Structure formats: structure tokens, C-alpha cells
N, C-alpha and C. Protein backbone atom coordinates (compact mmCIF):
# COMPACT_ATOMS: atom_id res chain seq x y z
N VAL A 1 -9.60 149.51 -53.63
CA VAL A 1 -10.61 150.70 -53.44
C VAL A 1 -11.35 150.54 -52.02
N ALA A 2 -12.28 149.50 -51.70
CA ALA A 2 -12.70 148.05 -50.23
C ALA A 2 -11.99 148.24 -49.17
N VAL A 3 -11.12 147.66 -49.87
CA VAL A 3 -9.24 147.31 -48.93
C VAL A 3 -9.27 149.11 -48.11
N VAL A 4 -8.82 150.28 -48.49
CA VAL A 4 -8.69 150.49 -48.62
C VAL A 4 -9.00 151.49 -47.60
N CYS A 5 -11.26 151.64 -48.06
CA CYS A 5 -11.59 152.09 -47.58
C CYS A 5 -11.86 152.11 -45.62
N GLN A 6 -11.54 150.43 -45.84
CA GLN A 6 -10.99 149.16 -44.40
C GLN A 6 -10.34 149.60 -43.79
N GLU A 7 -9.22 149.43 -44.19
CA GLU A 7 -8.15 149.93 -43.70
C GLU A 7 -7.72 151.70 -43.13
N GLU A 8 -8.72 152.21 -42.76
CA GLU A 8 -8.72 153.55 -43.52
C GLU A 8 -9.43 153.10 -42.31
N SER A 9 -10.69 153.15 -42.19
CA SER A 9 -11.82 152.65 -41.30
C SER A 9 -11.39 152.29 -39.23
N VAL A 10 -10.77 151.03 -39.41
CA VAL A 10 -9.98 150.65 -38.94
C VAL A 10 -9.01 151.77 -38.15
N LYS A 11 -7.98 152.00 -38.79
CA LYS A 11 -7.28 153.05 -37.88
C LYS A 11 -8.34 154.14 -36.83
N LEU A 12 -9.36 154.60 -38.00
CA LEU A 12 -10.34 156.24 -37.25
C LEU A 12 -10.88 154.99 -36.03
N LEU A 13 -11.01 153.51 -36.28
CA LEU A 13 -12.44 153.03 -35.31
C LEU A 13 -10.56 152.51 -33.84
N THR A 14 -9.84 151.76 -34.74
CA THR A 14 -8.85 152.44 -32.92
C THR A 14 -8.08 152.96 -32.02
N PHE A 15 -8.03 154.56 -33.30
CA PHE A 15 -8.08 155.96 -32.40
C PHE A 15 -9.57 155.75 -31.12
N ILE A 16 -11.37 155.52 -31.40
CA ILE A 16 -11.44 155.51 -30.89
C ILE A 16 -11.58 155.08 -29.32
N PHE A 17 -12.19 154.04 -30.29
CA PHE A 17 -12.06 152.77 -28.47
C PHE A 17 -10.84 151.95 -28.34
N GLY A 18 -9.68 151.72 -29.05
CA GLY A 18 -8.03 151.58 -28.27
C GLY A 18 -8.81 150.25 -28.91
N LEU A 19 -7.72 149.42 -28.34
CA LEU A 19 -7.23 148.20 -29.18
C LEU A 19 -8.11 146.99 -27.27
N ASN A 20 -8.93 147.70 -26.72
CA ASN A 20 -8.77 146.06 -25.71
C ASN A 20 -10.96 146.57 -25.17
N SER A 21 -11.22 147.43 -26.65
CA SER A 21 -13.12 147.19 -26.89
C SER A 21 -13.42 146.20 -27.26
N ASN A 22 -14.67 145.98 -26.54
CA ASN A 22 -15.21 144.18 -26.74
C ASN A 22 -16.25 145.16 -28.23
N PHE A 23 -16.03 146.12 -28.43
CA PHE A 23 -16.07 146.45 -30.24
C PHE A 23 -15.87 146.23 -31.27
N TRP A 24 -14.47 145.78 -30.42
CA TRP A 24 -13.42 144.62 -31.99
C TRP A 24 -14.64 143.22 -31.98
N SER A 25 -14.98 142.25 -31.16
CA SER A 25 -15.44 141.21 -30.86
C SER A 25 -17.24 141.70 -32.27
N LEU A 26 -17.83 143.12 -32.01
CA LEU A 26 -18.46 143.77 -33.16
C LEU A 26 -18.36 143.70 -34.72
N TRP A 27 -16.85 143.54 -34.17
CA TRP A 27 -16.83 143.77 -36.60
C TRP A 27 -16.16 143.33 -36.59
N ASN A 28 -15.29 142.70 -35.73
CA ASN A 28 -14.69 140.73 -35.77
C ASN A 28 -16.65 139.83 -37.07
N LEU A 29 -17.03 139.76 -36.25
CA LEU A 29 -19.15 139.38 -36.02
C LEU A 29 -19.27 139.73 -37.54
N ARG A 30 -19.24 140.79 -37.90
CA ARG A 30 -19.43 141.80 -39.16
C ARG A 30 -18.59 141.41 -39.76
N LYS A 31 -17.72 141.82 -40.19
CA LYS A 31 -16.69 141.61 -41.86
C LYS A 31 -17.25 139.63 -41.47
N ASN A 32 -16.95 138.55 -40.34
CA ASN A 32 -17.31 137.36 -40.93
C ASN A 32 -18.71 137.51 -41.58
N GLU A 33 -20.81 137.81 -41.12
CA GLU A 33 -21.33 138.08 -41.05
C GLU A 33 -21.10 138.55 -43.00
N PHE A 34 -20.19 139.51 -43.50
CA PHE A 34 -20.07 139.66 -44.87
C PHE A 34 -19.78 139.09 -45.31
N PHE A 35 -18.64 138.14 -44.84
CA PHE A 35 -17.67 137.08 -46.35
C PHE A 35 -17.81 136.01 -45.86
N ASN A 36 -19.94 135.71 -45.11
CA ASN A 36 -20.72 135.29 -45.25
C ASN A 36 -21.73 134.98 -46.95
N ALA A 37 -21.90 136.44 -47.04
CA ALA A 37 -22.34 136.79 -47.19
C ALA A 37 -22.42 136.69 -49.45
N ILE A 38 -20.88 136.46 -49.47
CA ILE A 38 -20.86 135.95 -50.81
C ILE A 38 -20.80 134.46 -50.60
N THR A 39 -20.21 133.66 -50.04
CA THR A 39 -20.82 132.39 -49.78
C THR A 39 -22.30 132.09 -50.10
N ILE A 40 -22.70 132.53 -48.78
CA ILE A 40 -24.72 132.46 -49.70
C ILE A 40 -24.96 133.19 -50.88
N GLN A 41 -24.49 133.89 -51.13
CA GLN A 41 -24.71 134.73 -53.38
C GLN A 41 -24.65 133.35 -53.81
N ASN A 42 -23.00 132.90 -53.57
CA ASN A 42 -22.98 132.09 -54.82
C ASN A 42 -23.43 130.38 -54.22
N ASP A 43 -23.91 130.77 -53.74
CA ASP A 43 -24.80 128.67 -52.75
C ASP A 43 -26.08 129.20 -53.67
N LEU A 44 -26.73 129.96 -54.05
CA LEU A 44 -28.07 130.24 -53.69
C LEU A 44 -28.49 130.08 -55.32
N ILE A 45 -27.03 130.66 -56.27
CA ILE A 45 -27.59 130.46 -57.86
C ILE A 45 -27.18 129.91 -58.10
N GLU A 46 -26.74 127.79 -57.28
CA GLU A 46 -27.40 127.50 -58.10
C GLU A 46 -27.52 125.68 -57.43
N LYS A 47 -28.87 126.33 -55.77
CA LYS A 47 -29.92 126.19 -56.42
C LYS A 47 -31.73 125.79 -56.65
N SER A 48 -32.37 125.19 -56.99
CA SER A 48 -33.29 125.39 -57.42
C SER A 48 -34.18 125.03 -56.27
N ASN A 49 -34.31 125.11 -55.05
CA ASN A 49 -35.07 126.00 -54.45
C ASN A 49 -34.73 126.51 -52.88
N VAL A 50 -35.27 127.99 -53.84
CA VAL A 50 -34.89 128.55 -52.14
C VAL A 50 -35.23 129.24 -50.74
N GLU A 51 -35.50 129.05 -50.29
CA GLU A 51 -36.65 129.21 -49.03
C GLU A 51 -36.46 131.19 -48.75
N PHE A 52 -37.16 131.82 -49.22
CA PHE A 52 -36.77 133.26 -48.14
C PHE A 52 -36.27 133.13 -47.30
N ILE A 53 -36.17 132.44 -46.56
CA ILE A 53 -35.46 132.90 -44.88
C ILE A 53 -33.67 132.65 -45.50
N GLU A 54 -33.52 132.51 -46.34
CA GLU A 54 -32.28 131.99 -46.99
C GLU A 54 -32.19 134.40 -48.14
N PHE A 55 -33.16 134.43 -47.77
CA PHE A 55 -32.29 135.41 -49.24
C PHE A 55 -32.63 136.19 -47.50
N GLU A 56 -33.59 136.28 -47.00
CA GLU A 56 -33.76 137.28 -45.80
C GLU A 56 -32.16 136.86 -45.07
N THR A 57 -31.73 136.02 -45.48
CA THR A 57 -30.43 136.22 -44.98
C THR A 57 -29.01 136.65 -45.16
N LEU A 58 -29.66 136.53 -46.34
CA LEU A 58 -28.19 136.89 -47.90
C LEU A 58 -28.39 138.87 -47.11
N ALA A 59 -29.60 139.20 -47.07
CA ALA A 59 -29.72 141.07 -47.41
C ALA A 59 -28.84 141.35 -45.99
N ASP A 60 -29.94 140.56 -45.52
CA ASP A 60 -28.47 141.35 -43.63
C ASP A 60 -27.01 140.28 -43.60
N TYR A 61 -27.05 140.30 -44.45
CA TYR A 61 -25.34 139.74 -43.95
C TYR A 61 -24.95 140.76 -44.14
N LYS A 62 -25.03 140.50 -46.22
CA LYS A 62 -24.39 141.70 -47.39
C LYS A 62 -24.73 143.33 -47.19
N SER A 63 -25.37 143.25 -45.54
CA SER A 63 -25.85 144.55 -44.65
C SER A 63 -24.73 144.71 -44.00
N SER A 64 -23.64 144.10 -43.52
CA SER A 64 -23.23 144.20 -41.96
C SER A 64 -22.96 145.20 -41.96
N PHE A 65 -21.84 145.52 -42.44
CA PHE A 65 -20.86 147.17 -41.47
C PHE A 65 -21.76 147.93 -42.12
N GLY A 66 -22.69 147.60 -41.97
CA GLY A 66 -24.27 149.07 -41.74
C GLY A 66 -24.48 149.40 -40.37
N LYS A 67 -24.74 147.83 -39.82
CA LYS A 67 -24.64 147.44 -38.21
C LYS A 67 -23.17 148.45 -37.26
N ILE A 68 -22.34 148.37 -38.28
CA ILE A 68 -21.07 148.72 -37.75
C ILE A 68 -22.16 150.26 -36.62
N ALA A 69 -22.35 150.88 -37.48
CA ALA A 69 -22.82 152.88 -36.53
C ALA A 69 -24.28 151.89 -35.24
N ILE A 70 -24.46 150.90 -36.01
CA ILE A 70 -25.78 150.11 -34.45
C ILE A 70 -23.52 150.23 -33.23
N ASP A 71 -23.65 149.09 -33.54
CA ASP A 71 -22.72 148.76 -32.71
C ASP A 71 -21.46 149.12 -31.97
N SER A 72 -21.13 150.81 -32.61
CA SER A 72 -19.93 151.82 -32.22
C SER A 72 -21.23 152.38 -31.29
N ILE A 73 -22.31 152.84 -31.61
CA ILE A 73 -23.06 153.80 -31.06
C ILE A 73 -22.91 153.16 -29.19
N PHE A 74 -23.36 152.31 -28.50
CA PHE A 74 -23.82 151.17 -27.72
C PHE A 74 -23.04 151.21 -27.28
N SER A 75 -21.36 150.89 -27.70
CA SER A 75 -20.65 150.47 -27.93
C SER A 75 -19.70 151.87 -26.64
N LEU A 76 -20.37 153.03 -27.86
CA LEU A 76 -19.37 154.14 -26.86
C LEU A 76 -19.68 153.97 -25.83
N GLN A 77 -21.17 154.73 -25.73
CA GLN A 77 -22.36 154.31 -24.32
C GLN A 77 -22.05 154.22 -23.26
N ASN A 78 -21.84 152.70 -23.94
CA ASN A 78 -21.79 151.70 -23.28
C ASN A 78 -22.88 151.09 -22.35
N LYS A 79 -23.82 151.15 -23.66
CA LYS A 79 -25.34 150.90 -23.80
C LYS A 79 -25.71 149.62 -22.94
N ASN A 80 -26.94 149.66 -21.74
CA ASN A 80 -26.70 147.73 -20.78
C ASN A 80 -27.67 146.80 -21.69
N ASP A 81 -28.68 147.55 -22.49
CA ASP A 81 -30.16 147.91 -23.06
C ASP A 81 -29.89 146.96 -24.19
N THR A 82 -29.72 145.07 -24.12
CA THR A 82 -29.31 144.68 -24.68
C THR A 82 -31.57 145.02 -25.87
N ASN A 83 -32.63 145.12 -25.49
CA ASN A 83 -33.92 145.52 -25.77
C ASN A 83 -33.90 146.26 -26.51
N LEU A 84 -33.27 147.02 -25.99
CA LEU A 84 -33.07 148.55 -27.19
C LEU A 84 -31.98 148.42 -28.67
N TYR A 85 -30.34 148.00 -28.16
CA TYR A 85 -29.96 147.60 -28.66
C TYR A 85 -30.43 146.25 -29.98
N ASN A 86 -31.42 145.39 -28.99
CA ASN A 86 -31.42 143.72 -30.69
C ASN A 86 -32.33 145.13 -31.02
N LYS A 87 -33.20 146.40 -30.66
CA LYS A 87 -34.06 146.26 -31.59
C LYS A 87 -34.38 146.54 -33.25
N TYR A 88 -33.67 147.77 -32.74
CA TYR A 88 -31.79 149.04 -33.25
C TYR A 88 -32.46 147.44 -35.10
N LEU A 89 -30.69 146.78 -34.42
CA LEU A 89 -31.08 145.80 -35.49
C LEU A 89 -31.28 145.12 -36.13
N LYS A 90 -32.80 144.51 -34.87
CA LYS A 90 -33.85 143.76 -36.48
C LYS A 90 -34.91 144.61 -37.06
N SER A 91 -34.26 146.42 -36.94
CA SER A 91 -35.41 147.63 -37.77
C SER A 91 -34.18 147.05 -38.76
N HIS A 92 -32.56 147.25 -38.72
CA HIS A 92 -31.79 147.05 -39.77
C HIS A 92 -32.39 146.48 -41.02
N LYS A 93 -32.21 145.24 -40.26
CA LYS A 93 -32.03 143.82 -41.08
C LYS A 93 -33.20 143.80 -41.58
N TYR A 94 -34.53 145.01 -41.08
CA TYR A 94 -35.77 144.39 -42.51
C TYR A 94 -36.03 145.64 -43.13
N PHE A 95 -35.22 146.32 -43.61
CA PHE A 95 -34.26 147.76 -43.80
C PHE A 95 -33.72 146.90 -44.34
N SER A 96 -32.94 146.99 -44.44
CA SER A 96 -31.41 145.40 -45.93
C SER A 96 -32.41 144.38 -45.63
N ILE A 97 -33.99 143.76 -45.93
CA ILE A 97 -34.20 143.34 -46.71
C ILE A 97 -35.03 144.10 -48.28
N GLY A 98 -35.94 144.97 -47.25
CA GLY A 98 -36.36 146.06 -48.00
C GLY A 98 -36.02 145.97 -49.12
N PHE A 99 -34.77 146.73 -48.83
CA PHE A 99 -34.41 147.87 -49.70
C PHE A 99 -33.27 146.92 -50.77
N GLN A 100 -32.98 145.30 -50.30
CA GLN A 100 -32.76 144.43 -51.32
C GLN A 100 -33.28 143.81 -52.02
N LEU A 101 -34.62 143.77 -51.35
CA LEU A 101 -35.60 143.34 -52.17
C LEU A 101 -36.01 144.31 -53.79
N LEU A 102 -36.07 145.34 -53.49
CA LEU A 102 -35.84 147.03 -54.79
C LEU A 102 -34.84 146.54 -55.30
N ASP A 103 -33.76 146.28 -55.22
CA ASP A 103 -32.67 146.35 -55.50
C ASP A 103 -32.86 145.51 -56.81
N ASP A 104 -33.09 144.19 -56.92
CA ASP A 104 -33.32 142.93 -56.92
C ASP A 104 -34.58 142.63 -57.92
N VAL A 105 -35.01 143.92 -58.02
CA VAL A 105 -36.83 144.01 -59.49
C VAL A 105 -35.89 145.32 -60.22
N ASN A 106 -34.83 146.32 -59.55
CA ASN A 106 -34.06 147.30 -60.70
C ASN A 106 -32.75 147.05 -61.03
N ASP A 107 -32.79 145.50 -60.57
CA ASP A 107 -31.34 145.35 -61.45
C ASP A 107 -31.35 143.77 -62.25
N PHE A 108 -32.52 143.20 -62.18
CA PHE A 108 -33.07 141.99 -62.52
C PHE A 108 -32.15 142.42 -63.70
N LYS A 109 -32.24 142.11 -65.13
CA LYS A 109 -31.14 142.48 -66.28
C LYS A 109 -29.91 142.41 -66.13
N GLN A 110 -29.52 143.12 -65.17
CA GLN A 110 -28.10 143.12 -64.62
C GLN A 110 -27.45 141.52 -63.34
N ASP A 111 -28.23 141.67 -63.11
CA ASP A 111 -27.88 140.23 -62.60
C ASP A 111 -28.44 138.83 -63.34
N ILE A 112 -29.01 138.98 -64.19
CA ILE A 112 -28.87 137.75 -65.55
C ILE A 112 -27.59 138.49 -65.67
N ILE A 113 -27.40 139.36 -66.43
CA ILE A 113 -25.78 138.49 -67.17
C ILE A 113 -25.02 138.30 -66.30
N ASN A 114 -25.05 139.40 -64.99
CA ASN A 114 -23.78 138.94 -64.24
C ASN A 114 -24.17 137.69 -63.79
N ASN A 115 -25.46 136.91 -63.80
CA ASN A 115 -25.61 135.79 -62.89
C ASN A 115 -25.03 135.90 -61.81
N GLN A 116 -25.70 136.89 -61.32
CA GLN A 116 -26.51 137.36 -59.66
C GLN A 116 -27.52 136.70 -59.53
N PHE A 117 -27.12 135.24 -58.37
CA PHE A 117 -28.62 135.92 -57.43
C PHE A 117 -29.20 137.04 -56.86
N ASN A 118 -30.52 136.30 -57.32
CA ASN A 118 -31.41 137.59 -57.86
C ASN A 118 -32.88 136.61 -57.09
N TRP A 119 -33.74 137.29 -55.98
CA TRP A 119 -35.18 137.39 -55.56
C TRP A 119 -35.84 136.89 -56.59
N ALA A 120 -35.85 137.84 -57.82
CA ALA A 120 -36.96 138.55 -58.96
C ALA A 120 -36.40 137.40 -59.62
N VAL A 121 -35.30 137.52 -60.30
CA VAL A 121 -34.97 136.55 -61.18
C VAL A 121 -35.53 135.52 -60.62
N TYR A 122 -35.12 134.54 -59.89
CA TYR A 122 -35.64 133.59 -58.67
C TYR A 122 -37.68 132.57 -58.86
N GLU A 123 -37.76 133.98 -58.34
CA GLU A 123 -39.57 133.81 -58.95
C GLU A 123 -39.94 133.85 -59.97
N LEU A 124 -38.99 134.62 -60.94
CA LEU A 124 -40.05 134.65 -61.78
C LEU A 124 -39.48 132.60 -63.26
N SER A 125 -38.43 132.50 -62.71
CA SER A 125 -37.86 130.90 -62.80
C SER A 125 -38.85 130.45 -63.15
N LYS A 126 -39.43 130.25 -62.29
CA LYS A 126 -40.75 128.99 -61.24
C LYS A 126 -41.62 129.19 -62.12
N SER A 127 -42.88 130.35 -62.72
CA SER A 127 -43.38 130.96 -63.58
C SER A 127 -43.60 130.19 -64.71
N ILE A 128 -42.03 131.06 -65.36
CA ILE A 128 -41.74 130.34 -66.28
C ILE A 128 -40.12 129.33 -67.31
N ASP A 129 -40.44 129.32 -68.62
CA ASP A 129 -38.72 128.08 -68.88
C ASP A 129 -37.91 129.32 -69.34
N PHE A 130 -37.13 129.75 -67.80
CA PHE A 130 -35.96 130.42 -69.53
C PHE A 130 -35.21 130.46 -70.59
N ASP A 131 -35.12 128.89 -70.37
CA ASP A 131 -34.56 128.98 -71.55
C ASP A 131 -34.80 128.92 -72.88
N THR A 132 -36.29 129.16 -72.93
CA THR A 132 -37.41 129.33 -74.04
C THR A 132 -36.89 131.19 -74.36
N TYR A 133 -36.06 131.82 -73.12
CA TYR A 133 -36.16 133.49 -74.08
C TYR A 133 -34.62 133.81 -73.78
N SER A 134 -33.39 132.54 -73.41
CA SER A 134 -32.20 132.37 -73.57
C SER A 134 -31.55 133.65 -74.24
N ASN A 135 -30.56 135.30 -72.95
CA ASN A 135 -30.09 135.59 -73.64
C ASN A 135 -31.35 136.77 -74.55
N ASN A 136 -32.15 137.65 -73.68
CA ASN A 136 -33.32 138.21 -73.68
C ASN A 136 -33.81 139.00 -72.81
N GLU A 137 -32.79 139.09 -72.17
CA GLU A 137 -33.03 140.15 -70.35
C GLU A 137 -34.52 140.81 -70.73
N GLU A 138 -33.98 141.55 -71.85
CA GLU A 138 -34.75 142.26 -71.75
C GLU A 138 -37.00 142.91 -71.57
N VAL A 139 -36.61 141.16 -72.97
CA VAL A 139 -38.37 139.87 -72.62
C VAL A 139 -38.72 139.86 -71.15
N LEU A 140 -37.79 138.79 -70.52
CA LEU A 140 -37.97 138.12 -69.23
C LEU A 140 -38.21 139.27 -68.12
N ASN A 141 -37.47 140.49 -68.23
CA ASN A 141 -37.77 142.32 -66.80
C ASN A 141 -39.11 142.24 -67.70
N LYS A 142 -40.16 142.20 -68.74
CA LYS A 142 -40.93 142.58 -69.17
C LYS A 142 -42.61 141.82 -68.60
N LEU A 143 -41.16 140.48 -68.54
CA LEU A 143 -42.62 139.10 -67.72
C LEU A 143 -42.43 139.00 -67.14
N LEU A 144 -41.54 139.52 -66.31
CA LEU A 144 -41.33 140.02 -64.65
C LEU A 144 -42.89 140.98 -64.20
N PHE A 145 -42.70 141.39 -64.44
CA PHE A 145 -44.43 142.20 -64.15
C PHE A 145 -45.94 141.78 -64.98
N ILE A 146 -45.39 141.55 -66.04
CA ILE A 146 -47.14 141.15 -66.65
C ILE A 146 -47.35 140.05 -65.81
N LYS A 147 -45.99 139.27 -65.47
CA LYS A 147 -47.75 138.84 -64.50
C LYS A 147 -47.38 138.42 -63.44
N GLY A 148 -47.31 139.92 -62.56
CA GLY A 148 -46.95 140.58 -61.40
C GLY A 148 -46.47 140.23 -60.15
N ILE A 149 -44.85 139.58 -60.61
CA ILE A 149 -44.10 138.95 -59.74
C ILE A 149 -43.83 139.66 -59.19
N GLY A 150 -42.67 141.13 -60.26
CA GLY A 150 -42.35 142.39 -59.79
C GLY A 150 -43.13 143.45 -59.14
N GLN A 151 -44.69 142.75 -59.17
CA GLN A 151 -45.72 143.75 -57.57
C GLN A 151 -45.57 142.88 -56.19
N LYS A 152 -45.09 141.74 -56.61
CA LYS A 152 -44.95 141.00 -55.14
C LYS A 152 -44.62 141.57 -55.16
N ILE A 153 -42.92 141.38 -54.96
CA ILE A 153 -42.25 141.50 -54.48
C ILE A 153 -41.67 143.00 -53.98
N LEU A 154 -42.27 144.01 -55.00
CA LEU A 154 -42.19 145.20 -54.29
C LEU A 154 -43.45 145.60 -53.74
N GLU A 155 -44.25 144.98 -53.33
CA GLU A 155 -45.33 144.75 -52.57
C GLU A 155 -44.80 144.56 -51.04
N LYS A 156 -43.25 143.05 -51.34
CA LYS A 156 -42.82 142.47 -50.28
C LYS A 156 -41.64 144.13 -49.55
N SER A 157 -41.40 144.31 -50.60
CA SER A 157 -40.91 145.20 -50.38
C SER A 157 -41.20 146.58 -48.96
N ILE A 158 -42.29 146.35 -49.70
CA ILE A 158 -43.26 148.36 -48.28
C ILE A 158 -43.04 147.81 -47.31
N GLU A 159 -43.41 145.85 -47.07
CA GLU A 159 -44.21 145.14 -46.08
C GLU A 159 -43.33 145.25 -45.10
N ASN A 160 -42.09 145.16 -44.79
CA ASN A 160 -40.13 145.39 -44.57
C ASN A 160 -39.99 146.53 -43.90
N PHE A 161 -40.11 147.78 -45.06
CA PHE A 161 -39.97 149.40 -44.13
C PHE A 161 -40.75 149.27 -44.09
N ASP A 162 -42.29 148.87 -44.00
CA ASP A 162 -43.45 148.94 -42.77
C ASP A 162 -42.85 148.46 -41.13
N LYS A 163 -42.09 146.51 -40.96
CA LYS A 163 -41.89 146.10 -40.21
C LYS A 163 -40.29 147.13 -40.15
N ALA A 164 -39.02 147.58 -40.23
CA ALA A 164 -38.43 147.80 -39.98
C ALA A 164 -38.99 149.45 -38.97
N GLU A 165 -39.79 149.93 -38.81
CA GLU A 165 -40.19 150.68 -38.81
C GLU A 165 -41.30 150.63 -37.06
N ASP A 166 -41.59 149.89 -37.38
CA ASP A 166 -42.05 149.36 -36.42
C ASP A 166 -42.07 149.00 -35.22
N GLU A 167 -41.01 148.50 -35.41
CA GLU A 167 -39.79 147.74 -34.38
C GLU A 167 -38.74 149.37 -33.85
N ILE A 168 -39.23 150.56 -33.73
CA ILE A 168 -38.18 151.31 -33.34
C ILE A 168 -38.92 152.39 -33.46
N LYS A 169 -40.53 152.33 -33.35
CA LYS A 169 -41.76 153.97 -33.15
C LYS A 169 -42.10 154.15 -32.65
N ASP A 170 -41.61 153.69 -31.28
CA ASP A 170 -41.58 154.08 -29.89
C ASP A 170 -40.13 154.91 -29.49
N LEU A 171 -39.65 154.54 -30.22
CA LEU A 171 -38.17 155.01 -29.57
C LEU A 171 -37.78 156.79 -30.40
N ASN A 172 -38.12 157.21 -30.86
CA ASN A 172 -37.62 158.46 -30.58
C ASN A 172 -37.02 158.81 -31.71
N ASN A 173 -36.67 158.28 -32.52
CA ASN A 173 -35.62 158.04 -33.44
C ASN A 173 -35.76 158.32 -34.89
N LYS A 174 -35.80 160.19 -35.16
CA LYS A 174 -36.68 160.45 -36.17
C LYS A 174 -35.52 160.99 -37.38
N LEU A 175 -34.50 160.73 -37.17
CA LEU A 175 -33.45 160.61 -39.21
C LEU A 175 -33.22 159.03 -38.57
N TRP A 176 -34.08 158.03 -38.58
CA TRP A 176 -33.30 156.61 -38.63
C TRP A 176 -34.89 156.37 -39.75
N ILE A 177 -36.51 157.48 -38.39
CA ILE A 177 -37.92 156.77 -39.21
C ILE A 177 -37.67 157.55 -40.51
N SER A 178 -36.70 158.91 -40.53
CA SER A 178 -36.86 159.49 -41.63
C SER A 178 -36.97 158.76 -43.75
N ILE A 179 -35.39 157.66 -42.38
CA ILE A 179 -35.66 157.75 -43.48
C ILE A 179 -36.13 155.98 -44.53
N ILE A 180 -37.16 154.79 -43.39
CA ILE A 180 -37.52 154.32 -43.67
C ILE A 180 -38.47 155.26 -44.23
N TYR A 181 -39.26 156.00 -43.98
CA TYR A 181 -40.41 156.73 -44.87
C TYR A 181 -40.20 157.25 -46.14
N GLU A 182 -38.98 158.08 -46.65
CA GLU A 182 -38.74 157.50 -47.71
C GLU A 182 -37.82 156.83 -48.78
N MET A 183 -37.31 155.67 -48.15
CA MET A 183 -37.27 155.26 -48.72
C MET A 183 -38.87 153.26 -49.12
N ARG A 184 -39.41 153.55 -47.99
CA ARG A 184 -40.83 152.34 -48.03
C ARG A 184 -41.73 154.33 -49.54
N ASN A 185 -41.64 155.11 -49.60
CA ASN A 185 -42.38 156.35 -50.55
C ASN A 185 -42.00 155.81 -51.01
N LYS A 186 -40.83 155.63 -51.60
CA LYS A 186 -39.92 155.77 -53.24
C LYS A 186 -40.28 154.40 -53.70
N VAL A 187 -40.99 153.66 -53.48
CA VAL A 187 -41.00 152.07 -53.75
C VAL A 187 -42.78 152.31 -53.98
N ILE A 188 -43.18 152.65 -53.18
CA ILE A 188 -44.80 152.82 -53.22
C ILE A 188 -45.29 154.30 -54.59
N ASN A 189 -43.83 154.76 -55.31
CA ASN A 189 -44.20 155.76 -55.93
C ASN A 189 -43.94 154.11 -57.40
N GLN A 190 -42.73 153.75 -56.85
CA GLN A 190 -42.32 152.89 -57.96
C GLN A 190 -43.28 151.86 -58.38
N LEU A 191 -44.05 151.29 -57.80
CA LEU A 191 -45.76 150.49 -58.18
C LEU A 191 -46.77 150.73 -57.69
N GLN A 192 -46.30 152.61 -57.95
CA GLN A 192 -47.69 152.59 -58.38
C GLN A 192 -47.73 153.64 -59.65
N ILE A 193 -46.39 154.00 -60.31
CA ILE A 193 -46.08 154.07 -61.29
C ILE A 193 -46.46 152.14 -62.46
N THR A 194 -46.21 151.41 -61.60
CA THR A 194 -45.72 149.55 -62.56
C THR A 194 -46.99 149.24 -62.96
N ASN A 195 -47.91 149.45 -61.85
CA ASN A 195 -49.55 149.32 -61.59
C ASN A 195 -50.18 150.01 -63.18
N LYS A 196 -49.68 151.50 -63.02
CA LYS A 196 -51.63 152.15 -63.74
C LYS A 196 -50.11 151.81 -64.99
N TYR A 197 -48.98 150.92 -65.79
CA TYR A 197 -48.59 151.25 -66.60
C TYR A 197 -48.79 149.60 -67.42
N ILE A 198 -48.69 148.41 -66.97
CA ILE A 198 -49.24 147.31 -66.71
C ILE A 198 -50.59 147.37 -67.26
N GLU A 199 -51.65 147.85 -66.18
CA GLU A 199 -52.84 148.21 -66.26
C GLU A 199 -53.26 149.26 -68.03
N GLU A 200 -52.77 150.45 -68.54
CA GLU A 200 -51.31 150.64 -69.65
C GLU A 200 -52.46 149.87 -71.16
N LEU A 201 -51.45 149.13 -71.44
CA LEU A 201 -50.91 148.29 -71.08
C LEU A 201 -51.51 146.36 -71.69
N ARG A 202 -53.23 146.31 -71.08
CA ARG A 202 -53.61 145.78 -70.86
C ARG A 202 -55.29 146.09 -72.04
N LYS A 203 -54.66 147.08 -71.04
CA LYS A 203 -56.94 148.14 -72.40
C LYS A 203 -55.53 148.62 -73.17
N ASN A 204 -55.18 148.40 -73.36
CA ASN A 204 -54.07 148.57 -75.46
C ASN A 204 -53.77 147.34 -75.89
N LYS A 205 -54.66 146.25 -74.95
CA LYS A 205 -53.62 144.87 -76.16
C LYS A 205 -55.30 144.58 -77.16
């Protein structure tokens, strides 16, 4: 399905830009970033020490095709304002990091089962002996929040959505700001619910 969608996208974009547009160099860049994300994902799952900047790169590259919308608009309008262009790309990167952090918390159990690199799994693995809880994703998921690691990751997600908004707050793009705002509120609500749940657990302990 993904291949068919990509083929149809290329046909449409060729009709819009033609074959000689500089847009295609950006298309190839995004395509390479996306495939590099697969390599990075496989590399990180094997590493015992992962820097957060590596996770940031992974999150950014996994969402590379989302950056094509930004590339397209600036290519179509022949924009030469690289500062404006880079602001949108940076905002998109922060948004992608925030989204991936949220996704890793919510996909915690599934990513353990599928042996996918997951920042929440990695952070918890530094605090406990995973072998003690082998094949017990449910217990591991509870420990993620009992130890406060899940909450810290959600807070970091919110920080990145804040950064995404800060990058473009002066550009009057109400649609993009509303999307960021909606996602940030989703994480805030999830964090509040989680904190209340943990508080109740401790009260009833």
C-alpha cells in the first residue's frame, strides 16, 4: 500500500512541479531521511547507551515525508526566505519529537513485543532489571509510571510541543498552531490522568 501511495504521490507532484524543479532534490533528501530512520531504529535497539539527540534524529527522520508539505509550499511560491523556511522545519522537528515521545509511552507494551526501539522502554531499562520481568509487559508498563519515568517523558513531550509553537508563534499560522495546541493538550490531559491514578494508588497502598 505504501509503495502504491508513493507512486501516486510522485505522479501528482510531477504534474505540479515538472521534472526539472529543484523540489526533487528535496524529495530525494526526505526519502533518504526516511530510509535512514529504519537503519537508526535497528541500530538503537542494539545499543546499551543511547543519547537523546539520537532519538531526536530518529523522530525527525521518521516524519520526513511530513516535511514535504513545507518543501512543496516554498518551492511552489519560489520563496527565498530561508529563515522562514527553517523556522517551519524546526517547528516540525520539535512537533515530531513531542509526538514520538507520546507514541513511545502509549506503544510501550507493543514495542517490547515487536522488539522496536522505544525511548520509554530504554529509560525504564536503566532503572530495573528487565530479565526479572521477562514476558510480562503489563507489569513493566505499570512500573514505567510507578517509577515516574512515563510522566517525565510526557513532560518532555509537552516541552517539545511548546518549542514547536515558539518557533512559529510570530508567523500567524493559526492552523499549524492549533494542531500543535491540540496535541499538547492531549498530552497534558494524559499526564493529569496518570498523576491522579498514581496518587490514588499510593493513597490506597
